[in-house]
Amino acid sequence: MIPILRSLIQAVQPFLVAICFAIAWSFTILLGWTLWSTVRDTTARAKQMHEIPCPNCQFFTNDHRLKCTVNPITANTEQAIDCSDYRSNL
């Protein structure tokens, strides 16, 4: 068993540097792609969450027990983006 393993290692040894090089660059590219994907998804999610108009509505109470006097279930959620009861506080 050991002589077979030894001959296998000696056969692969000339290609070992190239294999390690390819694995290292693949890992680096995969890491960069994952970071880019995370930043892109986080930015899209933040943009969507900033479309929620609740903090600028006159019915918004900013109280954790009752956030909105008209639609308390949908307050500060994505369902509140097109709220028909929205009245500007300004």
PDB file of N, CA and C in Angstrom:
ATOM      1  N   MET A   1       0.816  -1.184   0.000  1.00  0.00           N
ATOM      2  CA  MET A   1       0.000   0.000   0.000  1.00  0.00           C
ATOM      3  C   MET A   1       0.867   1.259   0.000  1.00  0.00           C
ATOM      4  N   ILE A   2       1.892   1.288   0.833  1.00  0.00           N
ATOM      5  CA  ILE A   2       2.755   2.465   0.917  1.00  0.00           C
ATOM      6  C   ILE A   2       3.540   2.680  -0.375  1.00  0.00           C
ATOM      7  N   PRO A   3       4.073   1.649  -1.024  1.00  0.00           N
ATOM      8  CA  PRO A   3       4.775   1.905  -2.289  1.00  0.00           C
ATOM      9  C   PRO A   3       3.846   2.468  -3.372  1.00  0.00           C
ATOM     10  N   ILE A   4       2.609   2.029  -3.373  1.00  0.00           N
ATOM     11  CA  ILE A   4       1.660   2.554  -4.364  1.00  0.00           C
ATOM     12  C   ILE A   4       1.383   4.030  -4.080  1.00  0.00           C
ATOM     13  N   LEU A   5       1.197   4.362  -2.814  1.00  0.00           N
ATOM     14  CA  LEU A   5       0.941   5.743  -2.423  1.00  0.00           C
ATOM     15  C   LEU A   5       2.148   6.628  -2.721  1.00  0.00           C
ATOM     16  N   ARG A   6       3.327   6.088  -2.492  1.00  0.00           N
ATOM     17  CA  ARG A   6       4.548   6.844  -2.748  1.00  0.00           C
ATOM     18  C   ARG A   6       4.727   7.118  -4.239  1.00  0.00           C
ATOM     19  N   SER A   7       4.442   6.131  -5.060  1.00  0.00           N
ATOM     20  CA  SER A   7       4.566   6.331  -6.507  1.00  0.00           C
ATOM     21  C   SER A   7       3.503   7.307  -7.019  1.00  0.00           C
ATOM     22  N   LEU A   8       2.328   7.286  -6.408  1.00  0.00           N
ATOM     23  CA  LEU A   8       1.276   8.226  -6.795  1.00  0.00           C
ATOM     24  C   LEU A   8       1.681   9.660  -6.448  1.00  0.00           C
ATOM     25  N   ILE A   9       2.253   9.862  -5.281  1.00  0.00           N
ATOM     26  CA  ILE A   9       2.700  11.195  -4.868  1.00  0.00           C
ATOM     27  C   ILE A   9       3.815  11.691  -5.779  1.00  0.00           C
ATOM     28  N   GLN A  10       4.739  10.814  -6.146  1.00  0.00           N
ATOM     29  CA  GLN A  10       5.828  11.200  -7.041  1.00  0.00           C
ATOM     30  C   GLN A  10       5.309  11.521  -8.439  1.00  0.00           C
ATOM     31  N   ALA A  11       4.240  10.863  -8.858  1.00  0.00           N
ATOM     32  CA  ALA A  11       3.674  11.134 -10.177  1.00  0.00           C
ATOM     33  C   ALA A  11       2.963  12.489 -10.207  1.00  0.00           C
ATOM     34  N   VAL A  12       2.350  12.882  -9.098  1.00  0.00           N
ATOM     35  CA  VAL A  12       1.586  14.126  -9.035  1.00  0.00           C
ATOM     36  C   VAL A  12       2.473  15.319  -8.692  1.00  0.00           C
ATOM     37  N   GLN A  13       3.623  15.097  -8.119  1.00  0.00           N
ATOM     38  CA  GLN A  13       4.478  16.162  -7.611  1.00  0.00           C
ATOM     39  C   GLN A  13       4.834  17.235  -8.647  1.00  0.00           C
ATOM     40  N   PRO A  14       5.112  16.931  -9.905  1.00  0.00           N
ATOM     41  CA  PRO A  14       5.412  18.008 -10.862  1.00  0.00           C
ATOM     42  C   PRO A  14       4.221  18.945 -11.115  1.00  0.00           C
ATOM     43  N   PHE A  15       3.025  18.460 -10.934  1.00  0.00           N
ATOM     44  CA  PHE A  15       1.828  19.267 -11.185  1.00  0.00           C
ATOM     45  C   PHE A  15       1.277  19.920  -9.921  1.00  0.00           C
ATOM     46  N   LEU A  16       1.887  19.649  -8.787  1.00  0.00           N
ATOM     47  CA  LEU A  16       1.368  20.116  -7.511  1.00  0.00           C
ATOM     48  C   LEU A  16       1.358  21.642  -7.398  1.00  0.00           C
ATOM     49  N   VAL A  17       2.376  22.299  -7.909  1.00  0.00           N
ATOM     50  CA  VAL A  17       2.436  23.760  -7.847  1.00  0.00           C
ATOM     51  C   VAL A  17       1.302  24.368  -8.676  1.00  0.00           C
ATOM     52  N   ALA A  18       1.083  23.839  -9.856  1.00  0.00           N
ATOM     53  CA  ALA A  18       0.014  24.361 -10.713  1.00  0.00           C
ATOM     54  C   ALA A  18      -1.364  24.098 -10.100  1.00  0.00           C
ATOM     55  N   ILE A  19      -1.533  22.943  -9.496  1.00  0.00           N
ATOM     56  CA  ILE A  19      -2.811  22.613  -8.861  1.00  0.00           C
ATOM     57  C   ILE A  19      -3.073  23.542  -7.679  1.00  0.00           C
ATOM     58  N   CYS A  20      -2.071  23.763  -6.835  1.00  0.00           N
ATOM     59  CA  CYS A  20      -2.231  24.669  -5.691  1.00  0.00           C
ATOM     60  C   CYS A  20      -2.475  26.105  -6.154  1.00  0.00           C
ATOM     61  N   PHE A  21      -1.803  26.513  -7.219  1.00  0.00           N
ATOM     62  CA  PHE A  21      -2.002  27.848  -7.781  1.00  0.00           C
ATOM     63  C   PHE A  21      -3.442  28.026  -8.256  1.00  0.00           C
ATOM     64  N   ALA A  22      -3.954  27.035  -8.967  1.00  0.00           N
ATOM     65  CA  ALA A  22      -5.333  27.102  -9.470  1.00  0.00           C
ATOM     66  C   ALA A  22      -6.342  27.097  -8.321  1.00  0.00           C
ATOM     67  N   ILE A  23      -6.103  26.293  -7.318  1.00  0.00           N
ATOM     68  CA  ILE A  23      -7.014  26.241  -6.169  1.00  0.00           C
ATOM     69  C   ILE A  23      -7.002  27.569  -5.412  1.00  0.00           C
ATOM     70  N   ALA A  24      -5.825  28.152  -5.218  1.00  0.00           N
ATOM     71  CA  ALA A  24      -5.726  29.424  -4.493  1.00  0.00           C
ATOM     72  C   ALA A  24      -6.445  30.545  -5.249  1.00  0.00           C
ATOM     73  N   TRP A  25      -6.240  30.631  -6.563  1.00  0.00           N
ATOM     74  CA  TRP A  25      -6.920  31.671  -7.336  1.00  0.00           C
ATOM     75  C   TRP A  25      -8.419  31.422  -7.428  1.00  0.00           C
ATOM     76  N   SER A  26      -8.815  30.173  -7.494  1.00  0.00           N
ATOM     77  CA  SER A  26     -10.251  29.861  -7.502  1.00  0.00           C
ATOM     78  C   SER A  26     -10.898  30.309  -6.194  1.00  0.00           C
ATOM     79  N   PHE A  27     -10.221  30.052  -5.093  1.00  0.00           N
ATOM     80  CA  PHE A  27     -10.728  30.485  -3.793  1.00  0.00           C
ATOM     81  C   PHE A  27     -10.819  32.006  -3.718  1.00  0.00           C
ATOM     82  N   THR A  28      -9.808  32.703  -4.219  1.00  0.00           N
ATOM     83  CA  THR A  28      -9.800  34.165  -4.195  1.00  0.00           C
ATOM     84  C   THR A  28     -10.928  34.738  -5.049  1.00  0.00           C
ATOM     85  N   ILE A  29     -11.125  34.186  -6.230  1.00  0.00           N
ATOM     86  CA  ILE A  29     -12.199  34.648  -7.112  1.00  0.00           C
ATOM     87  C   ILE A  29     -13.560  34.356  -6.494  1.00  0.00           C
ATOM     88  N   LEU A  30     -13.721  33.190  -5.905  1.00  0.00           N
ATOM     89  CA  LEU A  30     -14.978  32.839  -5.255  1.00  0.00           C
ATOM     90  C   LEU A  30     -15.262  33.767  -4.072  1.00  0.00           C
ATOM     91  N   LEU A  31     -14.251  34.106  -3.311  1.00  0.00           N
ATOM     92  CA  LEU A  31     -14.411  35.029  -2.191  1.00  0.00           C
ATOM     93  C   LEU A  31     -14.826  36.418  -2.676  1.00  0.00           C
ATOM     94  N   GLY A  32     -14.177  36.904  -3.729  1.00  0.00           N
ATOM     95  CA  GLY A  32     -14.536  38.207  -4.290  1.00  0.00           C
ATOM     96  C   GLY A  32     -15.954  38.226  -4.829  1.00  0.00           C
ATOM     97  N   TRP A  33     -16.342  37.151  -5.509  1.00  0.00           N
ATOM     98  CA  TRP A  33     -17.693  37.060  -6.056  1.00  0.00           C
ATOM     99  C   TRP A  33     -18.734  37.033  -4.938  1.00  0.00           C
ATOM    100  N   THR A  34     -18.441  36.318  -3.867  1.00  0.00           N
ATOM    101  CA  THR A  34     -19.359  36.248  -2.731  1.00  0.00           C
ATOM    102  C   THR A  34     -19.499  37.613  -2.057  1.00  0.00           C
ATOM    103  N   LEU A  35     -18.397  38.316  -1.881  1.00  0.00           N
ATOM    104  CA  LEU A  35     -18.456  39.650  -1.281  1.00  0.00           C
ATOM    105  C   LEU A  35     -19.256  40.612  -2.157  1.00  0.00           C
ATOM    106  N   TRP A  36     -19.016  40.569  -3.470  1.00  0.00           N
ATOM    107  CA  TRP A  36     -19.752  41.426  -4.399  1.00  0.00           C
ATOM    108  C   TRP A  36     -21.249  41.120  -4.350  1.00  0.00           C
ATOM    109  N   SER A  37     -21.589  39.854  -4.328  1.00  0.00           N
ATOM    110  CA  SER A  37     -22.990  39.440  -4.276  1.00  0.00           C
ATOM    111  C   SER A  37     -23.649  39.905  -2.979  1.00  0.00           C
ATOM    112  N   THR A  38     -22.932  39.812  -1.882  1.00  0.00           N
ATOM    113  CA  THR A  38     -23.462  40.250  -0.591  1.00  0.00           C
ATOM    114  C   THR A  38     -23.708  41.754  -0.572  1.00  0.00           C
ATOM    115  N   VAL A  39     -22.769  42.516  -1.074  1.00  0.00           N
ATOM    116  CA  VAL A  39     -22.926  43.974  -1.113  1.00  0.00           C
ATOM    117  C   VAL A  39     -24.093  44.358  -2.021  1.00  0.00           C
ATOM    118  N   ARG A  40     -24.202  43.704  -3.169  1.00  0.00           N
ATOM    119  CA  ARG A  40     -25.291  43.997  -4.109  1.00  0.00           C
ATOM    120  C   ARG A  40     -26.655  43.686  -3.489  1.00  0.00           C
ATOM    121  N   ASP A  41     -26.778  42.530  -2.848  1.00  0.00           N
ATOM    122  CA  ASP A  41     -28.049  42.145  -2.234  1.00  0.00           C
ATOM    123  C   ASP A  41     -28.407  43.044  -1.051  1.00  0.00           C
ATOM    124  N   THR A  42     -27.408  43.417  -0.258  1.00  0.00           N
ATOM    125  CA  THR A  42     -27.647  44.295   0.885  1.00  0.00           C
ATOM    126  C   THR A  42     -28.094  45.678   0.423  1.00  0.00           C
ATOM    127  N   THR A  43     -27.486  46.175  -0.636  1.00  0.00           N
ATOM    128  CA  THR A  43     -27.871  47.474  -1.174  1.00  0.00           C
ATOM    129  C   THR A  43     -29.297  47.447  -1.709  1.00  0.00           C
ATOM    130  N   ALA A  44     -29.648  46.381  -2.405  1.00  0.00           N
ATOM    131  CA  ALA A  44     -31.013  46.258  -2.933  1.00  0.00           C
ATOM    132  C   ALA A  44     -32.031  46.176  -1.801  1.00  0.00           C
ATOM    133  N   ARG A  45     -31.708  45.444  -0.764  1.00  0.00           N
ATOM    134  CA  ARG A  45     -32.619  45.311   0.380  1.00  0.00           C
ATOM    135  C   ARG A  45     -32.775  46.649   1.111  1.00  0.00           C
ATOM    136  N   ALA A  46     -31.674  47.364   1.292  1.00  0.00           N
ATOM    137  CA  ALA A  46     -31.738  48.667   1.962  1.00  0.00           C
ATOM    138  C   ALA A  46     -32.551  49.659   1.141  1.00  0.00           C
ATOM    139  N   LYS A  47     -32.385  49.626  -0.173  1.00  0.00           N
ATOM    140  CA  LYS A  47     -33.155  50.513  -1.039  1.00  0.00           C
ATOM    141  C   LYS A  47     -34.651  50.221  -0.923  1.00  0.00           C
ATOM    142  N   GLN A  48     -35.000  48.951  -0.855  1.00  0.00           N
ATOM    143  CA  GLN A  48     -36.400  48.560  -0.724  1.00  0.00           C
ATOM    144  C   GLN A  48     -36.959  48.985   0.639  1.00  0.00           C
ATOM    145  N   MET A  49     -36.173  48.826   1.690  1.00  0.00           N
ATOM    146  CA  MET A  49     -36.645  49.182   3.028  1.00  0.00           C
ATOM    147  C   MET A  49     -36.803  50.700   3.187  1.00  0.00           C
ATOM    148  N   HIS A  50     -36.033  51.488   2.444  1.00  0.00           N
ATOM    149  CA  HIS A  50     -36.155  52.940   2.528  1.00  0.00           C
ATOM    150  C   HIS A  50     -37.383  53.462   1.792  1.00  0.00           C
ATOM    151  N   GLU A  51     -38.068  52.610   1.058  1.00  0.00           N
ATOM    152  CA  GLU A  51     -39.298  53.017   0.385  1.00  0.00           C
ATOM    153  C   GLU A  51     -40.505  52.977   1.324  1.00  0.00           C
ATOM    154  N   ILE A  52     -40.334  52.417   2.506  1.00  0.00           N
ATOM    155  CA  ILE A  52     -41.439  52.335   3.468  1.00  0.00           C
ATOM    156  C   ILE A  52     -41.709  53.740   4.014  1.00  0.00           C
ATOM    157  N   PRO A  53     -42.924  54.262   3.813  1.00  0.00           N
ATOM    158  CA  PRO A  53     -43.202  55.658   4.174  1.00  0.00           C
ATOM    159  C   PRO A  53     -43.642  55.872   5.621  1.00  0.00           C
ATOM    160  N   CYS A  54     -43.730  54.847   6.412  1.00  0.00           N
ATOM    161  CA  CYS A  54     -44.323  54.947   7.755  1.00  0.00           C
ATOM    162  C   CYS A  54     -43.751  56.052   8.648  1.00  0.00           C
ATOM    163  N   PRO A  55     -42.448  56.228   8.763  1.00  0.00           N
ATOM    164  CA  PRO A  55     -41.952  57.264   9.688  1.00  0.00           C
ATOM    165  C   PRO A  55     -42.394  58.680   9.332  1.00  0.00           C
ATOM    166  N   ASN A  56     -42.810  58.914   8.085  1.00  0.00           N
ATOM    167  CA  ASN A  56     -43.248  60.249   7.675  1.00  0.00           C
ATOM    168  C   ASN A  56     -44.770  60.393   7.649  1.00  0.00           C
ATOM    169  N   CYS A  57     -45.478  59.416   8.167  1.00  0.00           N
ATOM    170  CA  CYS A  57     -46.943  59.419   8.140  1.00  0.00           C
ATOM    171  C   CYS A  57     -47.488  60.014   9.442  1.00  0.00           C
ATOM    172  N   GLN A  58     -48.618  60.697   9.341  1.00  0.00           N
ATOM    173  CA  GLN A  58     -49.194  61.315  10.545  1.00  0.00           C
ATOM    174  C   GLN A  58     -49.801  60.287  11.491  1.00  0.00           C
ATOM    175  N   PHE A  59     -50.088  59.086  11.004  1.00  0.00           N
ATOM    176  CA  PHE A  59     -50.663  58.045  11.852  1.00  0.00           C
ATOM    177  C   PHE A  59     -49.597  57.191  12.546  1.00  0.00           C
ATOM    178  N   PHE A  60     -48.335  57.416  12.219  1.00  0.00           N
ATOM    179  CA  PHE A  60     -47.235  56.647  12.802  1.00  0.00           C
ATOM    180  C   PHE A  60     -46.945  57.175  14.201  1.00  0.00           C
ATOM    181  N   THR A  61     -46.964  56.282  15.206  1.00  0.00           N
ATOM    182  CA  THR A  61     -46.787  56.705  16.598  1.00  0.00           C
ATOM    183  C   THR A  61     -45.368  56.534  17.122  1.00  0.00           C
ATOM    184  N   ASN A  62     -44.545  55.748  16.447  1.00  0.00           N
ATOM    185  CA  ASN A  62     -43.173  55.456  16.869  1.00  0.00           C
ATOM    186  C   ASN A  62     -43.143  54.803  18.256  1.00  0.00           C
ATOM    187  N   ASP A  63     -44.148  54.027  18.548  1.00  0.00           N
ATOM    188  CA  ASP A  63     -44.247  53.293  19.805  1.00  0.00           C
ATOM    189  C   ASP A  63     -44.257  51.807  19.467  1.00  0.00           C
ATOM    190  N   HIS A  64     -43.480  51.007  20.181  1.00  0.00           N
ATOM    191  CA  HIS A  64     -43.379  49.587  19.834  1.00  0.00           C
ATOM    192  C   HIS A  64     -44.669  48.817  20.101  1.00  0.00           C
ATOM    193  N   ARG A  65     -45.555  49.353  20.906  1.00  0.00           N
ATOM    194  CA  ARG A  65     -46.816  48.659  21.189  1.00  0.00           C
ATOM    195  C   ARG A  65     -47.849  48.902  20.099  1.00  0.00           C
ATOM    196  N   LEU A  66     -47.894  50.100  19.555  1.00  0.00           N
ATOM    197  CA  LEU A  66     -48.826  50.446  18.484  1.00  0.00           C
ATOM    198  C   LEU A  66     -48.103  51.381  17.523  1.00  0.00           C
ATOM    199  N   LYS A  67     -47.589  50.823  16.446  1.00  0.00           N
ATOM    200  CA  LYS A  67     -46.791  51.620  15.520  1.00  0.00           C
ATOM    201  C   LYS A  67     -47.642  52.522  14.642  1.00  0.00           C
ATOM    202  N   CYS A  68     -48.815  52.027  14.276  1.00  0.00           N
ATOM    203  CA  CYS A  68     -49.698  52.792  13.401  1.00  0.00           C
ATOM    204  C   CYS A  68     -51.121  52.654  13.922  1.00  0.00           C
ATOM    205  N   THR A  69     -51.829  53.764  13.979  1.00  0.00           N
ATOM    206  CA  THR A  69     -53.195  53.707  14.497  1.00  0.00           C
ATOM    207  C   THR A  69     -54.194  53.202  13.468  1.00  0.00           C
ATOM    208  N   VAL A  70     -53.847  53.244  12.190  1.00  0.00           N
ATOM    209  CA  VAL A  70     -54.766  52.806  11.140  1.00  0.00           C
ATOM    210  C   VAL A  70     -54.502  51.361  10.733  1.00  0.00           C
ATOM    211  N   ASN A  71     -53.249  51.045  10.434  1.00  0.00           N
ATOM    212  CA  ASN A  71     -52.860  49.692  10.007  1.00  0.00           C
ATOM    213  C   ASN A  71     -51.714  49.182  10.877  1.00  0.00           C
ATOM    214  N   PRO A  72     -51.977  48.751  12.085  1.00  0.00           N
ATOM    215  CA  PRO A  72     -50.882  48.349  12.977  1.00  0.00           C
ATOM    216  C   PRO A  72     -50.157  47.082  12.531  1.00  0.00           C
ATOM    217  N   ILE A  73     -50.824  46.215  11.784  1.00  0.00           N
ATOM    218  CA  ILE A  73     -50.187  44.960  11.370  1.00  0.00           C
ATOM    219  C   ILE A  73     -49.170  45.190  10.261  1.00  0.00           C
ATOM    220  N   THR A  74     -49.457  46.111   9.357  1.00  0.00           N
ATOM    221  CA  THR A  74     -48.567  46.331   8.219  1.00  0.00           C
ATOM    222  C   THR A  74     -47.574  47.467   8.435  1.00  0.00           C
ATOM    223  N   ALA A  75     -47.599  48.112   9.578  1.00  0.00           N
ATOM    224  CA  ALA A  75     -46.698  49.238   9.829  1.00  0.00           C
ATOM    225  C   ALA A  75     -45.244  48.781   9.816  1.00  0.00           C
ATOM    226  N   ASN A  76     -44.417  49.553   9.142  1.00  0.00           N
ATOM    227  CA  ASN A  76     -42.973  49.301   9.007  1.00  0.00           C
ATOM    228  C   ASN A  76     -42.653  47.976   8.327  1.00  0.00           C
ATOM    229  N   THR A  77     -43.519  47.492   7.476  1.00  0.00           N
ATOM    230  CA  THR A  77     -43.245  46.286   6.696  1.00  0.00           C
ATOM    231  C   THR A  77     -43.281  46.644   5.218  1.00  0.00           C
ATOM    232  N   GLU A  78     -42.913  45.685   4.382  1.00  0.00           N
ATOM    233  CA  GLU A  78     -42.936  45.913   2.939  1.00  0.00           C
ATOM    234  C   GLU A  78     -44.355  46.107   2.423  1.00  0.00           C
ATOM    235  N   GLN A  79     -45.334  45.609   3.144  1.00  0.00           N
ATOM    236  CA  GLN A  79     -46.730  45.780   2.732  1.00  0.00           C
ATOM    237  C   GLN A  79     -47.174  47.235   2.858  1.00  0.00           C
ATOM    238  N   ALA A  80     -46.465  48.028   3.626  1.00  0.00           N
ATOM    239  CA  ALA A  80     -46.832  49.426   3.835  1.00  0.00           C
ATOM    240  C   ALA A  80     -46.294  50.350   2.748  1.00  0.00           C
ATOM    241  N   ILE A  81     -45.578  49.824   1.776  1.00  0.00           N
ATOM    242  CA  ILE A  81     -44.996  50.674   0.736  1.00  0.00           C
ATOM    243  C   ILE A  81     -46.088  51.394  -0.057  1.00  0.00           C
ATOM    244  N   ASP A  82     -47.150  50.713  -0.395  1.00  0.00           N
ATOM    245  CA  ASP A  82     -48.252  51.328  -1.135  1.00  0.00           C
ATOM    246  C   ASP A  82     -49.481  51.496  -0.241  1.00  0.00           C
ATOM    247  N   CYS A  83     -49.301  51.987   0.942  1.00  0.00           N
ATOM    248  CA  CYS A  83     -50.398  52.142   1.903  1.00  0.00           C
ATOM    249  C   CYS A  83     -51.378  53.212   1.407  1.00  0.00           C
ATOM    250  N   SER A  84     -52.640  52.846   1.332  1.00  0.00           N
ATOM    251  CA  SER A  84     -53.655  53.791   0.846  1.00  0.00           C
ATOM    252  C   SER A  84     -54.033  54.822   1.912  1.00  0.00           C
ATOM    253  N   ASP A  85     -53.702  54.567   3.154  1.00  0.00           N
ATOM    254  CA  ASP A  85     -54.034  55.485   4.245  1.00  0.00           C
ATOM    255  C   ASP A  85     -52.903  56.448   4.591  1.00  0.00           C
ATOM    256  N   TYR A  86     -51.856  56.467   3.792  1.00  0.00           N
ATOM    257  CA  TYR A  86     -50.694  57.306   4.092  1.00  0.00           C
ATOM    258  C   TYR A  86     -51.062  58.785   3.989  1.00  0.00           C
ATOM    259  N   ARG A  87     -50.732  59.520   5.018  1.00  0.00           N
ATOM    260  CA  ARG A  87     -50.902  60.972   5.039  1.00  0.00           C
ATOM    261  C   ARG A  87     -49.572  61.570   5.486  1.00  0.00           C
ATOM    262  N   SER A  88     -49.057  62.445   4.687  1.00  0.00           N
ATOM    263  CA  SER A  88     -47.755  63.027   4.979  1.00  0.00           C
ATOM    264  C   SER A  88     -47.794  63.836   6.268  1.00  0.00           C
ATOM    265  N   ASN A  89     -46.746  63.691   7.027  1.00  0.00           N
ATOM    266  CA  ASN A  89     -46.622  64.388   8.301  1.00  0.00           C
ATOM    267  C   ASN A  89     -46.109  65.810   8.101  1.00  0.00           C
ATOM    268  N   LEU A  90     -45.617  66.080   6.935  1.00  0.00           N
ATOM    269  CA  LEU A  90     -44.987  67.382   6.671  1.00  0.00           C
ATOM    270  C   LEU A  90     -45.959  68.451   6.327  1.00  0.00           C
TER     271      LEU A  90
END
